[in-house]
Amino acid sequence: MMKKYGKYYADWTDEHGKRRRKAFPTAKGAQQHQTKEARRAALKKAPASAPSRQSSRRGKPPKARRATEVSPAK
């Protein structure tokens, strides 16, 4: 929430990620609206999906290679 030119603005992000603002004469009204809209957007968002199986090694060092896998020197 923010105050600008004597008005209080509710500031939230909708379920599509778009930033929204609405002006109110009181801080309490702006805060209530901001809380209500944030809850509403959270309910409409898709739940988190399961982690991918392919990304299980992400961030881990590469596996050690065996001596037999190394190509011979020329």
N, C-alpha and C. Protein backbone atom coordinates (compact mmCIF):
# COMPACT_ATOMS: atom_id res chain seq x y z
N MET A 1 0.84 -1.17 0.00
CA MET A 1 0.00 0.00 0.00
C MET A 1 0.90 1.24 0.00
N MET A 2 0.41 2.28 -0.66
CA MET A 2 1.19 3.52 -0.69
C MET A 2 0.27 4.74 -0.60
N LYS A 3 0.83 5.85 -0.17
CA LYS A 3 0.07 7.09 -0.06
C LYS A 3 0.64 8.07 -1.09
N LYS A 4 -0.28 8.71 -1.84
CA LYS A 4 0.16 9.65 -2.86
C LYS A 4 -0.94 10.70 -3.06
N TYR A 5 -0.58 11.95 -2.94
CA TYR A 5 -1.51 13.07 -3.13
C TYR A 5 -2.77 12.95 -2.28
N GLY A 6 -2.62 12.53 -1.04
CA GLY A 6 -3.74 12.46 -0.11
C GLY A 6 -4.64 11.24 -0.29
N LYS A 7 -4.28 10.33 -1.19
CA LYS A 7 -5.05 9.10 -1.38
C LYS A 7 -4.18 7.91 -1.03
N TYR A 8 -4.84 6.83 -0.68
CA TYR A 8 -4.15 5.58 -0.35
C TYR A 8 -4.41 4.59 -1.47
N TYR A 9 -3.35 3.96 -1.95
CA TYR A 9 -3.46 3.05 -3.07
C TYR A 9 -3.19 1.61 -2.65
N ALA A 10 -4.16 0.74 -2.95
CA ALA A 10 -3.95 -0.69 -2.78
C ALA A 10 -3.11 -1.14 -3.97
N ASP A 11 -2.09 -1.93 -3.71
CA ASP A 11 -1.15 -2.34 -4.75
C ASP A 11 -1.01 -3.86 -4.66
N TRP A 12 -1.42 -4.59 -5.73
CA TRP A 12 -1.36 -6.05 -5.70
C TRP A 12 -1.07 -6.56 -7.09
N THR A 13 -0.80 -7.87 -7.19
CA THR A 13 -0.56 -8.54 -8.46
C THR A 13 -1.66 -9.57 -8.67
N ASP A 14 -2.30 -9.55 -9.83
CA ASP A 14 -3.40 -10.49 -10.08
C ASP A 14 -2.87 -11.88 -10.44
N GLU A 15 -3.80 -12.80 -10.72
CA GLU A 15 -3.42 -14.20 -10.98
C GLU A 15 -2.61 -14.38 -12.26
N HIS A 16 -2.61 -13.38 -13.14
CA HIS A 16 -1.82 -13.44 -14.37
C HIS A 16 -0.48 -12.73 -14.24
N GLY A 17 -0.20 -12.20 -13.05
CA GLY A 17 1.07 -11.52 -12.82
C GLY A 17 1.05 -10.04 -13.16
N LYS A 18 -0.11 -9.49 -13.48
CA LYS A 18 -0.21 -8.08 -13.82
C LYS A 18 -0.38 -7.25 -12.55
N ARG A 19 0.38 -6.17 -12.46
CA ARG A 19 0.30 -5.29 -11.30
C ARG A 19 -0.94 -4.42 -11.39
N ARG A 20 -1.66 -4.34 -10.29
CA ARG A 20 -2.89 -3.55 -10.22
C ARG A 20 -2.80 -2.56 -9.07
N ARG A 21 -3.49 -1.41 -9.22
CA ARG A 21 -3.58 -0.41 -8.16
C ARG A 21 -4.98 0.18 -8.16
N LYS A 22 -5.46 0.53 -6.98
CA LYS A 22 -6.76 1.17 -6.85
C LYS A 22 -6.68 2.18 -5.70
N ALA A 23 -7.26 3.37 -5.90
CA ALA A 23 -7.21 4.45 -4.91
C ALA A 23 -8.37 4.34 -3.92
N PHE A 24 -8.09 4.69 -2.65
CA PHE A 24 -9.08 4.72 -1.58
C PHE A 24 -8.87 5.97 -0.74
N PRO A 25 -9.95 6.48 -0.11
CA PRO A 25 -9.80 7.66 0.73
C PRO A 25 -9.14 7.36 2.08
N THR A 26 -9.18 6.09 2.54
CA THR A 26 -8.60 5.74 3.84
C THR A 26 -7.56 4.63 3.69
N ALA A 27 -6.61 4.61 4.61
CA ALA A 27 -5.58 3.57 4.61
C ALA A 27 -6.19 2.21 4.91
N LYS A 28 -7.16 2.19 5.81
CA LYS A 28 -7.80 0.93 6.18
C LYS A 28 -8.51 0.29 4.98
N GLY A 29 -9.21 1.09 4.21
CA GLY A 29 -9.90 0.59 3.03
C GLY A 29 -8.93 0.03 2.00
N ALA A 30 -7.83 0.73 1.79
CA ALA A 30 -6.83 0.28 0.82
C ALA A 30 -6.18 -1.02 1.28
N GLN A 31 -5.88 -1.12 2.56
CA GLN A 31 -5.24 -2.32 3.09
C GLN A 31 -6.18 -3.52 3.00
N GLN A 32 -7.46 -3.32 3.31
CA GLN A 32 -8.43 -4.42 3.23
C GLN A 32 -8.59 -4.90 1.79
N HIS A 33 -8.67 -3.97 0.86
CA HIS A 33 -8.82 -4.34 -0.55
C HIS A 33 -7.57 -5.07 -1.06
N GLN A 34 -6.42 -4.60 -0.69
CA GLN A 34 -5.17 -5.22 -1.12
C GLN A 34 -5.08 -6.65 -0.60
N THR A 35 -5.44 -6.88 0.65
CA THR A 35 -5.42 -8.22 1.24
C THR A 35 -6.43 -9.13 0.55
N LYS A 36 -7.62 -8.62 0.30
CA LYS A 36 -8.67 -9.40 -0.35
C LYS A 36 -8.25 -9.82 -1.76
N GLU A 37 -7.70 -8.90 -2.52
CA GLU A 37 -7.28 -9.21 -3.89
C GLU A 37 -6.10 -10.18 -3.92
N ALA A 38 -5.18 -10.05 -2.99
CA ALA A 38 -4.04 -10.96 -2.94
C ALA A 38 -4.50 -12.39 -2.64
N ARG A 39 -5.45 -12.53 -1.74
CA ARG A 39 -6.00 -13.85 -1.42
C ARG A 39 -6.73 -14.43 -2.63
N ARG A 40 -7.52 -13.61 -3.30
CA ARG A 40 -8.29 -14.06 -4.46
C ARG A 40 -7.36 -14.54 -5.57
N ALA A 41 -6.29 -13.82 -5.80
CA ALA A 41 -5.34 -14.19 -6.85
C ALA A 41 -4.61 -15.48 -6.49
N ALA A 42 -4.29 -15.66 -5.21
CA ALA A 42 -3.59 -16.87 -4.77
C ALA A 42 -4.46 -18.11 -4.98
N LEU A 43 -5.76 -17.98 -4.80
CA LEU A 43 -6.67 -19.12 -4.98
C LEU A 43 -6.80 -19.50 -6.45
N LYS A 44 -6.68 -18.53 -7.35
CA LYS A 44 -6.85 -18.80 -8.78
C LYS A 44 -5.57 -19.30 -9.45
N LYS A 45 -4.44 -19.13 -8.81
CA LYS A 45 -3.19 -19.59 -9.40
C LYS A 45 -3.15 -21.11 -9.44
N ALA A 46 -2.50 -21.66 -10.43
CA ALA A 46 -2.37 -23.10 -10.55
C ALA A 46 -1.45 -23.63 -9.45
N PRO A 47 -1.76 -24.81 -8.92
CA PRO A 47 -0.87 -25.37 -7.90
C PRO A 47 0.48 -25.74 -8.50
N ALA A 48 1.48 -25.82 -7.67
CA ALA A 48 2.82 -26.15 -8.14
C ALA A 48 2.85 -27.58 -8.66
N SER A 49 3.54 -27.78 -9.76
CA SER A 49 3.63 -29.11 -10.35
C SER A 49 4.76 -29.89 -9.68
N ALA A 50 4.78 -31.18 -9.92
CA ALA A 50 5.82 -32.04 -9.36
C ALA A 50 7.16 -31.70 -10.02
N PRO A 51 8.26 -31.89 -9.30
CA PRO A 51 9.56 -31.60 -9.90
C PRO A 51 9.86 -32.56 -11.06
N SER A 52 10.59 -32.08 -12.02
CA SER A 52 10.96 -32.87 -13.19
C SER A 52 11.96 -33.94 -12.80
N ARG A 53 11.86 -35.10 -13.44
CA ARG A 53 12.82 -36.17 -13.16
C ARG A 53 14.16 -35.87 -13.80
N GLN A 54 14.17 -35.14 -14.88
CA GLN A 54 15.41 -34.87 -15.60
C GLN A 54 16.31 -33.88 -14.87
N SER A 55 15.78 -33.13 -13.96
CA SER A 55 16.58 -32.12 -13.29
C SER A 55 17.16 -32.60 -11.96
N SER A 56 17.18 -33.90 -11.72
CA SER A 56 17.65 -34.40 -10.43
C SER A 56 19.13 -34.14 -10.19
N ARG A 57 19.95 -34.03 -11.25
CA ARG A 57 21.39 -33.80 -11.09
C ARG A 57 21.77 -32.34 -11.19
N ARG A 58 20.79 -31.45 -11.34
CA ARG A 58 21.08 -30.04 -11.49
C ARG A 58 21.85 -29.52 -10.28
N GLY A 59 22.95 -28.85 -10.52
CA GLY A 59 23.74 -28.27 -9.44
C GLY A 59 24.75 -29.22 -8.85
N LYS A 60 24.75 -30.48 -9.29
CA LYS A 60 25.71 -31.45 -8.75
C LYS A 60 26.89 -31.54 -9.71
N PRO A 61 28.07 -31.89 -9.19
CA PRO A 61 29.24 -32.00 -10.07
C PRO A 61 29.08 -33.18 -11.02
N PRO A 62 29.73 -33.16 -12.18
CA PRO A 62 29.61 -34.27 -13.12
C PRO A 62 30.21 -35.55 -12.53
N LYS A 63 29.69 -36.67 -13.00
CA LYS A 63 30.19 -37.96 -12.52
C LYS A 63 31.63 -38.16 -12.98
N ALA A 64 32.43 -38.86 -12.16
CA ALA A 64 33.83 -39.14 -12.51
C ALA A 64 33.88 -40.17 -13.63
N ARG A 65 34.77 -39.97 -14.57
CA ARG A 65 34.92 -40.90 -15.68
C ARG A 65 35.94 -41.97 -15.30
N ARG A 66 35.72 -43.17 -15.81
CA ARG A 66 36.66 -44.28 -15.56
C ARG A 66 37.88 -44.12 -16.46
N ALA A 67 38.98 -44.74 -16.07
CA ALA A 67 40.22 -44.67 -16.86
C ALA A 67 40.04 -45.34 -18.21
N THR A 68 39.18 -46.36 -18.31
CA THR A 68 38.99 -47.07 -19.57
C THR A 68 38.20 -46.23 -20.57
N GLU A 69 37.48 -45.22 -20.10
CA GLU A 69 36.67 -44.38 -20.98
C GLU A 69 37.48 -43.25 -21.62
N VAL A 70 38.66 -43.00 -21.11
CA VAL A 70 39.50 -41.91 -21.63
C VAL A 70 40.10 -42.35 -22.96
N SER A 71 40.06 -41.50 -23.96
CA SER A 71 40.59 -41.85 -25.28
C SER A 71 42.12 -41.88 -25.22
N PRO A 72 42.74 -42.78 -25.99
CA PRO A 72 44.21 -42.88 -25.96
C PRO A 72 44.87 -41.64 -26.58
N ALA A 73 46.03 -41.29 -26.08
CA ALA A 73 46.76 -40.12 -26.58
C ALA A 73 47.44 -40.48 -27.90
N LYS A 74 47.48 -39.53 -28.80
CA LYS A 74 48.09 -39.77 -30.12
C LYS A 74 49.46 -39.17 -30.19
